Protein backbone atom coordinates (compact mmCIF):
# COMPACT_ATOMS: atom_id res chain seq x y z
CA PRO A 1 42.89 136.60 79.84
CA ASP A 2 44.60 133.21 80.68
CA VAL A 3 46.93 132.66 82.98
CA ARG A 4 50.79 132.48 82.16
CA ASP A 5 53.10 129.98 82.63
CA ASN A 6 54.92 130.21 85.84
CA PRO A 7 58.20 128.09 85.65
CA GLY A 8 58.35 128.63 89.86
CA LYS A 9 61.56 130.37 90.16
CA ILE A 10 61.86 134.46 90.91
CA GLY A 11 65.02 136.03 90.00
CA ILE A 12 66.10 138.91 92.01
CA ARG A 13 69.27 140.45 90.70
CA PHE A 14 71.26 142.33 93.46
CA THR A 15 73.92 145.03 93.20
CA GLU A 16 77.11 142.86 92.30
CA ARG A 17 80.39 144.36 93.86
CA PRO A 18 82.23 145.71 91.15
CA ARG A 19 86.11 144.30 91.02
CA ALA A 20 86.15 142.41 94.24
CA GLY A 21 89.39 143.23 95.96
CA VAL A 22 90.25 146.51 94.52
CA PRO A 23 89.97 149.30 96.97
CA VAL A 24 87.18 151.67 96.53
CA ARG A 25 89.87 154.47 95.35
CA ASP A 26 90.64 152.59 92.41
CA ARG A 27 87.36 151.88 91.25
CA GLY A 28 86.52 155.05 89.36
CA MET A 29 83.72 156.22 91.78
CA ARG A 30 85.90 158.32 93.19
CA ALA A 31 89.18 160.93 92.21
CA PRO A 32 92.36 159.38 92.98
CA PRO A 33 94.77 161.12 95.09
CA PHE A 34 97.07 163.75 94.47
CA PRO A 35 100.57 162.02 94.60
CA LYS A 36 102.57 162.98 97.80
CA HIS A 37 105.39 164.98 95.89
CA GLN A 38 102.44 167.10 93.66
CA VAL A 39 101.17 170.18 95.63
CA LYS A 40 97.05 170.11 95.16
CA GLY A 41 95.47 173.39 93.53
CA ASP A 42 92.58 175.21 92.85
CA GLN A 43 92.98 175.18 89.18
CA ALA A 44 91.19 172.32 86.97
CA PRO A 45 93.39 169.54 85.86
CA ILE A 46 94.93 169.84 82.25
CA LEU A 47 92.82 167.60 79.92
CA ALA A 48 93.55 166.75 76.19
CA GLY A 49 93.32 169.61 73.78
CA ASP A 50 93.69 172.02 76.79
CA GLU A 51 96.76 174.94 76.18
CA LEU A 52 99.16 175.43 78.78
CA ALA A 53 99.09 179.09 80.28
CA ASP A 54 102.53 179.74 79.56
CA GLU A 55 102.03 179.03 75.83
CA GLN A 56 99.59 182.30 75.85
CA ASP A 57 102.77 184.19 77.60
CA PRO A 58 104.46 186.14 75.34
CA VAL A 59 107.66 186.71 77.36
CA TRP A 60 107.06 183.03 78.17
CA LEU A 61 107.47 182.16 74.35
CA LYS A 62 110.14 184.43 73.87
CA ASP A 63 112.34 183.42 76.44
CA LYS A 64 111.87 179.74 75.21
CA ALA A 65 112.35 180.95 71.43
CA ASP A 66 116.11 182.43 73.21
CA THR A 67 116.67 178.99 74.64
CA LEU A 68 116.08 177.34 71.54
CA MET A 69 118.64 179.64 69.34
CA SER A 70 121.16 179.11 72.14
CA ASN A 71 120.58 175.49 71.20
CA GLY A 72 120.98 175.81 67.77
CA ASP A 73 117.35 175.41 67.08
CA TYR A 74 116.74 177.95 64.60
CA GLN A 75 113.52 176.77 63.14
CA GLY A 76 111.83 175.99 66.92
CA ALA A 77 113.31 179.39 68.00
CA CYS A 78 111.40 180.86 64.65
CA ASN A 79 108.17 178.94 65.16
CA ALA A 80 107.99 180.37 69.12
CA TYR A 81 109.21 183.93 68.16
CA THR A 82 106.31 183.97 65.52
CA GLU A 83 103.67 182.66 68.54
CA ALA A 84 105.02 185.33 70.69
CA LEU A 85 104.27 188.01 67.76
CA LYS A 86 100.51 186.56 67.23
CA ILE A 87 99.57 187.89 70.96
CA ALA A 88 101.83 190.98 71.12
CA LEU A 89 104.08 192.69 68.70
CA ASN A 90 107.66 193.47 70.11
CA ALA A 91 110.68 195.07 68.65
CA ARG A 92 112.98 193.05 70.57
CA ALA A 93 111.35 189.82 69.26
CA PHE A 94 111.35 190.88 65.66
CA ALA A 95 114.94 191.45 66.11
CA ASN A 96 115.52 188.21 67.47
CA ARG A 97 113.58 186.50 65.04
CA ALA A 98 115.71 188.32 62.36
CA VAL A 99 118.77 186.38 64.00
CA ALA A 100 116.94 182.98 63.41
CA HIS A 101 116.00 183.73 59.85
CA LEU A 102 120.06 185.18 59.53
CA TYR A 103 121.45 181.53 60.45
CA MET A 104 118.84 179.62 58.36
CA GLY A 105 120.30 181.44 55.09
CA GLN A 106 116.41 183.37 54.59
CA LEU A 107 117.90 187.20 54.02
CA GLU A 108 114.91 188.35 52.76
CA GLN A 109 112.89 187.55 55.52
CA CYS A 110 115.73 188.75 57.94
CA LEU A 111 115.50 192.32 56.78
CA GLU A 112 111.61 191.89 56.63
CA ASP A 113 112.00 191.27 60.37
CA CYS A 114 114.39 194.06 60.97
CA ASN A 115 112.34 196.52 59.07
CA HIS A 116 108.94 195.98 61.51
CA ALA A 117 111.86 196.05 64.44
CA LEU A 118 112.88 199.80 63.23
CA ARG A 119 108.88 200.62 62.58
CA ILE A 120 107.91 199.97 65.92
CA LEU A 121 110.43 201.74 67.42
CA ASP A 122 109.92 204.52 65.51
CA ARG A 123 106.04 204.73 66.35
CA ARG A 124 106.99 204.46 70.18
CA ASN A 125 109.58 207.65 70.05
CA LYS A 126 107.35 209.36 67.69
CA VAL A 127 107.24 213.02 69.32
CA PRO A 128 103.32 214.51 68.81
CA GLU A 129 103.22 217.47 66.83
CA GLY A 130 103.70 220.73 69.04
CA GLN A 131 105.89 218.37 71.89
CA ILE A 132 109.63 218.90 72.89
CA PRO A 133 110.86 215.25 72.38
CA GLY A 134 111.47 213.48 75.80
CA PRO A 135 114.95 211.72 76.15
CA LYS A 136 115.49 208.30 74.35
CA ASP A 137 115.08 204.97 75.97
CA PRO A 138 118.51 203.29 76.26
CA GLN A 139 117.16 199.64 75.77
CA ASP A 140 115.81 201.01 72.49
CA GLU A 141 118.82 202.59 71.34
CA HIS A 142 120.47 199.29 72.11
CA VAL A 143 117.71 197.43 70.17
CA ARG A 144 118.01 199.60 67.29
CA ALA A 145 121.98 199.44 66.50
CA ARG A 146 121.76 195.63 66.43
CA VAL A 147 118.86 195.51 64.37
CA GLU A 148 121.23 198.03 61.90
CA VAL A 149 124.09 195.42 62.45
CA ARG A 150 121.61 192.69 61.56
CA MET A 151 120.59 194.56 58.32
CA GLY A 152 124.33 195.41 57.18
CA THR A 153 124.78 191.69 57.63
CA ALA A 154 122.34 190.74 55.39
CA TYR A 155 122.73 193.27 52.89
CA LEU A 156 126.83 192.45 52.77
CA TRP A 157 125.59 188.47 52.09
CA LEU A 158 123.52 189.68 49.26
CA GLY A 159 126.32 191.42 47.84
CA ALA A 160 125.01 194.91 48.32
CA PHE A 161 127.66 196.57 49.70
CA THR A 162 126.41 200.15 49.79
CA LYS A 163 123.33 199.21 51.58
CA ALA A 164 125.51 197.52 54.22
CA GLU A 165 127.82 200.23 54.68
CA ALA A 166 124.96 202.86 55.06
CA HIS A 167 123.43 200.26 57.77
CA LEU A 168 127.03 199.95 59.83
CA GLN A 169 127.21 203.56 60.00
CA ARG A 170 123.59 204.04 61.05
CA ALA A 171 124.08 201.55 64.14
CA LEU A 172 127.36 203.58 65.02
CA ASP A 173 125.24 207.03 64.96
CA THR A 174 122.64 205.67 67.21
CA GLU A 175 123.44 207.55 70.50
CA GLU A 176 123.99 205.11 73.27
CA GLY A 177 123.20 201.96 71.24
CA LEU A 178 126.99 200.36 70.97
CA GLU A 179 129.36 199.69 73.87
CA ALA A 180 132.87 200.94 73.85
CA GLU A 181 133.97 197.54 72.75
CA GLU A 182 130.92 197.01 70.43
CA ARG A 183 131.56 200.23 68.70
CA LYS A 184 134.98 199.65 67.96
CA VAL A 185 134.04 196.02 66.46
CA VAL A 186 131.66 197.47 64.26
CA LYS A 187 133.85 200.44 63.48
CA GLU A 188 136.39 197.30 61.93
CA ASP A 189 133.68 195.83 60.14
CA LEU A 190 132.57 198.88 58.39
CA ALA A 191 136.19 199.27 57.83
CA ARG A 192 136.30 195.96 55.65
CA VAL A 193 133.20 196.58 54.14
CA GLN A 194 134.71 199.58 52.52
CA ALA A 195 137.56 197.97 51.20
CA GLY A 196 135.80 195.18 50.06
CA ARG A 197 133.61 197.40 47.91
CA ALA A 198 136.85 199.29 46.49
CA ALA A 199 138.63 196.07 46.00
CA LEU A 200 135.04 194.70 44.29
CA LEU A 201 135.50 197.36 41.42
CA LEU A 202 138.92 196.34 40.54
CA LYS A 203 138.32 192.31 40.91
CA GLU A 204 135.39 193.13 38.13
CA LYS A 205 137.85 195.09 35.98
CA ALA A 206 140.35 192.28 36.79
CA ASP A 207 137.77 189.46 35.92
CA SER A 208 136.89 191.54 32.66
CA ALA A 209 140.06 191.91 31.29
CA ALA A 210 140.76 188.08 31.89
CA GLU A 211 137.68 186.75 29.99
CA ARG A 212 138.83 189.12 27.23
CA VAL A 213 142.09 187.40 26.85
CA PRO A 214 143.05 186.41 23.25
CA MET A 215 144.21 182.92 22.59
CA GLY A 216 147.40 182.10 21.98
CA GLY A 217 150.81 184.30 21.36
CA ASP A 218 152.08 187.52 22.97
CA ARG A 219 148.92 188.89 22.97
CA GLN A 220 147.66 186.57 25.08
CA ARG A 221 150.35 186.79 27.49
CA GLU A 222 150.29 190.42 27.46
CA ALA A 223 146.64 190.75 28.39
CA LEU A 224 146.93 187.97 31.08
CA ASP A 225 149.84 189.88 32.85
CA ALA A 226 147.61 193.10 32.38
CA ALA A 227 144.68 191.06 33.78
CA LEU A 228 147.28 190.06 37.03
CA GLY A 229 148.03 193.24 37.71
CA LEU A 230 144.46 194.55 38.48
CA TYR A 231 144.23 191.37 40.37
CA ASP A 232 147.18 192.25 42.43
CA SER A 233 145.86 196.02 42.88
CA ALA A 234 142.39 194.18 43.99
CA SER A 235 144.39 192.16 46.89
CA GLY A 236 146.08 194.93 47.48
CA ALA A 237 143.17 196.57 48.88
CA ASP A 238 141.31 193.50 50.32
CA PRO A 239 144.03 191.11 51.18
CA ASP A 240 141.64 189.18 53.10
CA CYS A 241 139.37 188.19 50.27
CA ALA A 242 139.43 184.84 49.00
CA VAL A 243 137.24 185.31 46.33
CA ILE A 244 140.16 187.86 44.40
CA LEU A 245 142.68 185.12 45.35
CA ALA A 246 140.72 182.28 43.76
CA ASN A 247 140.19 183.83 40.45
CA ARG A 248 144.22 185.13 40.43
CA SER A 249 145.13 181.60 40.80
CA PHE A 250 143.08 180.91 37.80
CA ALA A 251 144.55 183.71 35.80
CA ARG A 252 148.36 182.62 36.81
CA LEU A 253 147.34 178.91 36.18
CA ARG A 254 145.81 180.31 32.32
CA ALA A 255 149.78 182.24 32.25
CA GLY A 256 151.75 178.82 32.94
CA ARG A 257 152.45 180.44 36.27
CA HIS A 258 151.74 176.82 37.91
CA GLU A 259 153.75 177.50 41.25
CA GLY A 260 152.02 181.24 41.57
CA CYS A 261 148.72 179.49 40.83
CA LEU A 262 149.22 176.42 43.99
CA GLU A 263 150.45 179.92 46.20
CA ASP A 264 146.91 181.85 45.72
CA ALA A 265 145.02 178.56 45.96
CA GLU A 266 146.90 178.00 49.41
CA ALA A 267 146.21 181.01 50.68
CA ALA A 268 142.47 181.03 49.38
CA LEU A 269 141.81 177.95 51.44
CA ALA A 270 143.61 179.52 54.18
CA LYS A 271 140.83 182.35 53.73
CA LEU A 272 138.03 180.16 53.39
CA LYS A 273 138.96 178.69 56.52
CA GLU A 274 138.47 181.89 58.07
CA TRP A 275 135.20 182.54 56.41
CA PRO A 276 132.88 184.94 58.35
CA ALA A 277 130.58 181.92 58.96
CA PRO A 278 129.72 181.45 62.83
CA ARG A 279 130.68 178.17 63.83
CA ARG A 280 128.34 177.85 67.00
CA ALA A 281 124.87 178.63 67.92
CA PRO A 282 124.56 182.59 69.17
CA LYS A 283 124.89 183.30 72.91
CA ARG A 284 121.64 184.13 74.54
CA PRO A 285 120.83 187.63 74.79
CA VAL A 286 121.94 189.37 77.62
CA LEU A 287 121.72 193.14 78.80
CA ALA A 288 124.84 195.00 78.36
CA ALA A 289 126.76 194.88 81.92
CA ARG A 290 128.28 198.18 82.59
CA VAL A 291 129.00 200.30 85.72
CA ASP A 292 126.83 202.99 86.70
CA PRO A 293 128.65 205.99 88.07
CA PRO A 294 127.26 207.00 91.92
CA PHE A 295 125.45 210.37 92.66
CA LEU A 296 128.67 212.58 94.14
CA ASP A 297 127.85 214.09 97.60
CA ASP A 298 126.42 217.85 97.55
CA PRO A 299 127.55 219.63 100.79
CA THR A 300 125.26 222.57 99.79
CA PHE A 301 122.35 220.47 99.52
CA LYS A 302 120.74 218.26 102.59
CA HIS A 303 117.43 216.54 101.63
CA PRO A 304 114.68 216.80 104.22
CA ASP A 305 115.00 213.28 104.64
CA GLU A 306 118.24 212.74 105.77
CA VAL A 307 117.78 215.35 108.71
CA LYS A 308 118.41 213.72 111.75
CA GLN A 309 115.10 213.63 114.35
CA GLY A 310 115.45 216.68 116.32
CA GLU A 311 118.20 217.94 114.39
CA VAL A 312 118.34 221.71 114.56
CA ASP A 313 120.80 224.74 112.93
CA TRP A 314 121.22 226.02 116.22
CA LEU A 315 123.58 225.20 119.06
CA MET A 316 122.75 227.20 122.37
CA LYS A 317 121.13 230.88 123.28
CA HIS A 318 122.78 233.25 125.39
CA GLY A 319 121.11 236.45 127.23
CA GLY A 320 121.62 239.21 129.39
CA GLY A 321 125.36 240.00 127.79
CA ASN A 322 127.44 241.42 125.98
CA TRP A 323 128.62 240.42 122.75
CA LYS A 324 132.30 239.86 124.05
CA ASP A 325 131.08 238.17 126.72
CA LEU A 326 130.05 235.38 124.49
CA PRO A 327 131.44 231.77 124.56
CA SER A 328 133.66 230.07 121.93
CA LEU A 329 131.97 227.75 119.25
CA PRO A 330 132.89 225.47 116.81
CA PRO A 331 134.29 226.69 113.52
CA GLU A 332 130.81 225.94 111.51
CA TYR A 333 128.79 228.33 114.03
CA GLU A 334 128.72 231.71 114.72
CA TRP A 335 126.79 234.30 117.05
CA VAL A 336 123.79 236.38 116.08
CA LYS A 337 120.98 238.54 117.33
CA ASP A 338 118.00 236.14 118.85
CA VAL A 339 115.15 238.12 116.71
CA ALA A 340 112.67 236.17 118.85
CA GLU A 341 113.50 237.80 122.22
CA LYS A 342 112.53 240.82 122.93
CA ASP A 343 116.04 241.59 125.38
CA ASP A 344 118.21 243.12 122.90
CA ASN A 345 121.13 241.28 124.51
CA SER A 346 120.03 237.75 123.43
CA TRP A 347 121.99 235.88 121.28
CA ILE A 348 121.86 232.30 119.86
CA ALA A 349 124.71 230.37 118.11
CA ILE A 350 123.70 229.12 114.59
CA ARG A 351 125.46 227.21 111.90
CA LYS A 352 127.20 229.38 109.39
CA LYS A 353 125.66 229.71 105.93
CA MET A 354 128.10 229.63 102.99
CA PRO A 355 127.30 232.97 100.47
CA LYS A 356 125.76 232.37 97.67
CA ALA A 357 129.07 232.47 95.07
CA THR A 358 130.86 230.09 96.99
CA THR A 359 127.87 227.77 97.08
CA ASP A 360 127.38 228.45 93.14
CA ALA A 361 131.49 227.38 93.21
CA ILE A 362 130.81 224.37 94.82
CA ARG A 363 127.86 223.18 92.64
CA ARG A 364 129.80 224.15 89.29
CA ALA A 365 132.55 221.85 90.89
CA THR A 366 130.57 218.96 91.88
CA ALA A 367 128.57 219.22 88.54
CA LYS A 368 131.64 219.09 86.27
CA LEU A 369 132.99 215.90 88.72
CA GLN A 370 129.63 214.29 87.92
CA ASP A 371 130.08 214.64 84.44
CA VAL A 372 133.82 213.00 84.73
CA LEU A 373 132.40 210.53 85.63
CA TYR A 374 129.99 209.78 82.83
CA SER A 375 133.05 209.20 80.86
CA ARG A 376 132.98 205.87 82.52
CA ASN A 377 136.87 206.30 81.79
CA PRO A 378 139.14 205.65 85.00
CA ARG A 379 141.95 207.16 83.16
CA VAL A 380 140.23 210.03 82.58
CA ILE A 381 138.76 210.36 85.87
CA ARG A 382 142.32 209.94 87.83
CA GLU A 383 143.60 212.76 85.68
CA TYR A 384 140.92 215.28 86.72
CA LEU A 385 141.01 214.24 90.65
CA PRO A 386 143.93 216.85 91.09
CA VAL A 387 141.97 219.17 89.63
CA ALA A 388 138.85 218.77 92.12
CA ILE A 389 141.07 218.07 95.11
CA ASP A 390 143.16 221.77 94.72
CA GLU A 391 139.44 223.08 94.67
CA ASN A 392 138.38 221.56 97.75
CA LYS A 393 141.17 222.59 99.45
CA VAL A 394 140.45 226.35 98.71
CA GLY A 395 136.90 225.98 100.06
CA GLU A 396 135.30 226.01 96.29
CA GLY A 397 135.24 222.29 95.18
CA PRO A 398 133.36 219.04 95.59
CA SER A 399 133.54 217.84 99.27
CA ALA A 400 135.89 215.05 100.47
CA LYS A 401 133.31 212.70 100.35
CA ALA A 402 132.50 213.33 96.94
CA ILE A 403 136.61 212.82 95.80
CA ARG A 404 136.45 209.81 97.80
CA GLN A 405 133.19 208.62 96.07
CA SER A 406 135.01 209.29 92.56
CA GLU A 407 138.15 207.50 93.72
CA GLU A 408 136.20 204.42 94.68
CA TYR A 409 134.32 204.36 91.40
CA ALA A 410 137.80 204.97 89.31
CA GLU A 411 138.93 201.64 90.85
CA LYS A 412 135.74 199.85 90.48
CA LEU A 413 135.85 200.58 86.65
CA GLU A 414 139.72 199.23 86.31
CA ALA A 415 139.06 196.15 88.18
CA PHE A 416 135.60 196.20 85.85
CA GLN A 417 137.66 196.57 82.87
CA ALA A 418 140.12 193.79 83.75
CA GLU A 419 137.59 191.52 84.10
CA ARG A 420 136.11 192.45 81.00
CA ASP A 421 139.74 192.16 79.64
CA ALA A 422 140.28 188.60 80.64
CA GLU A 423 137.11 187.57 79.48
CA ARG A 424 137.75 188.90 76.00
CA GLY A 425 141.53 187.16 76.01
CA GLU A 426 139.39 183.42 77.04
CA GLN A 427 136.91 184.24 74.31
CA GLU A 428 139.80 185.11 71.67
CA ALA A 429 141.94 181.71 72.90
CA GLU A 430 139.12 179.49 72.35
CA ALA A 431 137.88 181.31 68.93
CA ALA A 432 141.98 180.58 68.62
CA ARG A 433 141.57 177.24 69.32
CA GLU A 434 138.68 176.37 66.99
CA LEU A 435 140.09 178.03 64.44
CA GLU A 436 142.92 175.55 64.77
CA GLU A 437 140.81 172.47 65.06
CA PHE A 438 138.63 173.68 62.29
CA ASN A 439 138.80 171.24 59.54
CA LEU A 440 137.58 172.81 55.96
CA ASP A 441 137.37 169.45 54.25
CA ASP A 442 134.61 168.18 56.91
CA VAL A 443 132.37 171.74 56.58
CA VAL A 444 132.10 171.25 52.90
CA ALA A 445 131.41 167.81 52.85
CA ALA A 446 128.60 166.65 50.81
CA VAL A 447 127.39 164.52 53.52
CA ARG A 448 127.76 165.51 57.01
CA SER A 449 126.16 162.36 59.12
CA GLY A 450 126.21 162.83 62.79
CA VAL A 451 127.45 166.46 62.90
CA GLY A 452 124.82 168.51 64.87
CA GLN A 453 124.07 172.01 63.51
CA THR A 454 125.38 174.84 65.58
CA GLY A 455 126.61 177.36 63.04
CA PHE A 456 125.23 177.70 59.50
CA GLY A 457 123.46 174.95 57.82
CA HIS A 458 124.73 173.08 55.14
CA ALA A 459 122.21 174.78 52.31
CA HIS A 460 122.50 178.38 53.95
CA PRO A 461 123.81 180.82 50.97
CA VAL A 462 127.16 181.67 52.77
CA GLU A 463 128.18 177.84 53.12
CA ARG A 464 127.30 177.24 49.23
CA THR A 465 129.32 180.00 48.15
CA ARG A 466 132.43 178.46 50.23
CA ARG A 467 131.55 175.31 49.10
CA ARG A 468 131.40 176.48 45.74
CA LEU A 469 134.43 178.02 45.98
CA TYR A 470 136.45 175.16 47.61
CA VAL A 471 135.58 173.20 44.84
CA LYS A 472 137.22 175.88 42.12
CA VAL A 473 140.44 176.33 44.06
CA LEU A 474 141.18 172.42 44.44
CA LEU A 475 140.67 171.89 40.50
CA ARG A 476 142.90 174.71 39.91
CA ARG A 477 145.20 173.28 42.11
CA ALA A 478 144.77 169.59 40.85
CA ARG A 479 145.58 171.26 37.03
CA ALA A 480 148.63 173.28 38.35
CA LEU A 481 149.99 170.01 40.27
CA GLU A 482 149.59 168.11 37.22
CA ALA A 483 151.00 170.70 34.71
CA LEU A 484 154.04 170.08 37.59
CA GLY A 485 154.25 166.46 36.72
CA ASN A 486 152.91 165.74 40.09
CA ALA A 487 149.79 163.17 39.26
CA GLU A 488 149.56 161.45 42.58
CA ALA A 489 149.22 164.81 44.33
CA SER A 490 146.74 166.17 42.00
CA ALA A 491 144.35 162.61 41.99
CA GLU A 492 144.23 163.55 45.64
CA GLU A 493 142.71 167.11 45.16
CA LEU A 494 140.03 165.30 42.81
CA ARG A 495 139.51 163.11 45.47
CA ARG A 496 138.46 166.05 47.93
CA VAL A 497 136.35 167.65 45.67
CA LEU A 498 134.12 164.42 45.00
CA LEU A 499 133.94 164.34 48.48
CA ALA A 500 132.10 167.99 48.58
CA GLU A 501 130.64 167.63 45.47
CA ALA A 502 130.04 163.79 44.21
CA ASP A 503 128.43 164.58 40.95
CA ASN A 504 131.43 166.88 39.78
CA PRO A 505 131.76 166.20 36.25
CA GLU A 506 135.22 167.93 35.78
CA ALA A 507 136.69 165.97 38.88
CA LYS A 508 135.14 162.42 37.30
């Protein structure tokens, strides 16, 4: 072939130094070093799309959900509980997610989660056929009682008073499910629900009588008087019911009793201010604090691990003499024949043994004192201590150490109770301050810009009911004030209505 043309130059391409002046570690040829404050581990670095190990840990997810709940992020808490339940079913996670649903107003979902929690607890405590049931886990009973209380609350807000009463009673019937103070609160709530159910029947009769009132004449006045009498009975059954007060104010407005209408409306607004709706997020769940009693000293029993090395039950030996010539001993020892020796005059000093009757008496008295300690009531313990001291003096009662343990435990209980009372007093004072600073107009306002959600949301069924009842009461106040000739005060009430419901046609 023909010789190709040669330009006379040969080009040689050398390796170029990339990014001249840049250190080698920054050229992409070598992994960058770890920062000084970061500890280098064996795990590979987290890349895009990888999941943190904690996000696969249901315990970590539940703890994160508890934190979100206490911060008022109920939807975030609900999502975290859901992710934890996808990994492992747990009664406590279902119970806590029920609280999140409760705060978001999703009452049916709350009841569903509560039922899931109860089914898990029932399955765990189910006894196989033919076996004796074992002791119940106190923590499971603790969760069961709270689930029953939450179901009672949800049913109460749904208007099912009978079901709410049944679940609150089940919470009280749960063994070791509630602390003494919690049991007291649930009993008070149950009494209020029972009173509310009784008042509801009277209110429905009064509402029916008010709706059938004929127009004009003496018959209208007589019918309204009868309806007002029924409202009085309903209010007597449940004095804290804002709905009864609001309806009675309307009946008094129709009867021309404007002053009474204003009184009832004012009382209804005061009860709406005390409406049973939380004003802050729930606190993180904590284990119930209590002071457990000690195990009392039993002088009739000595554990082998407590026996000191080299300690024996005999004190000395004596041989070759008459028992009359034996030396004196401490009161807890006595001389007996030493059967291990061939000599008949061999003696050994051993520790005295209690008669079986005395041993049984001491054990019974110690067990009785232990049962008294399990009452966790310092007054009951101090009342029983003189009995134990008298039994100890005759040698058939608890030991001095056991009595001293009981006295110290009673002192701990009294100090713990004083601490709890002080904490409860601070909480009551804080609740009183919150109630005093609570502004009902701001809570029911249609626009609440810049206000963080700490209690129920604006769309919660309980808040919607309160807002609607608030509007009705203000409209009745406006009518009563207008009838009394106070047009300026009536207009002010209407302006308050428009702040809560901007599109209210009656206020416009």
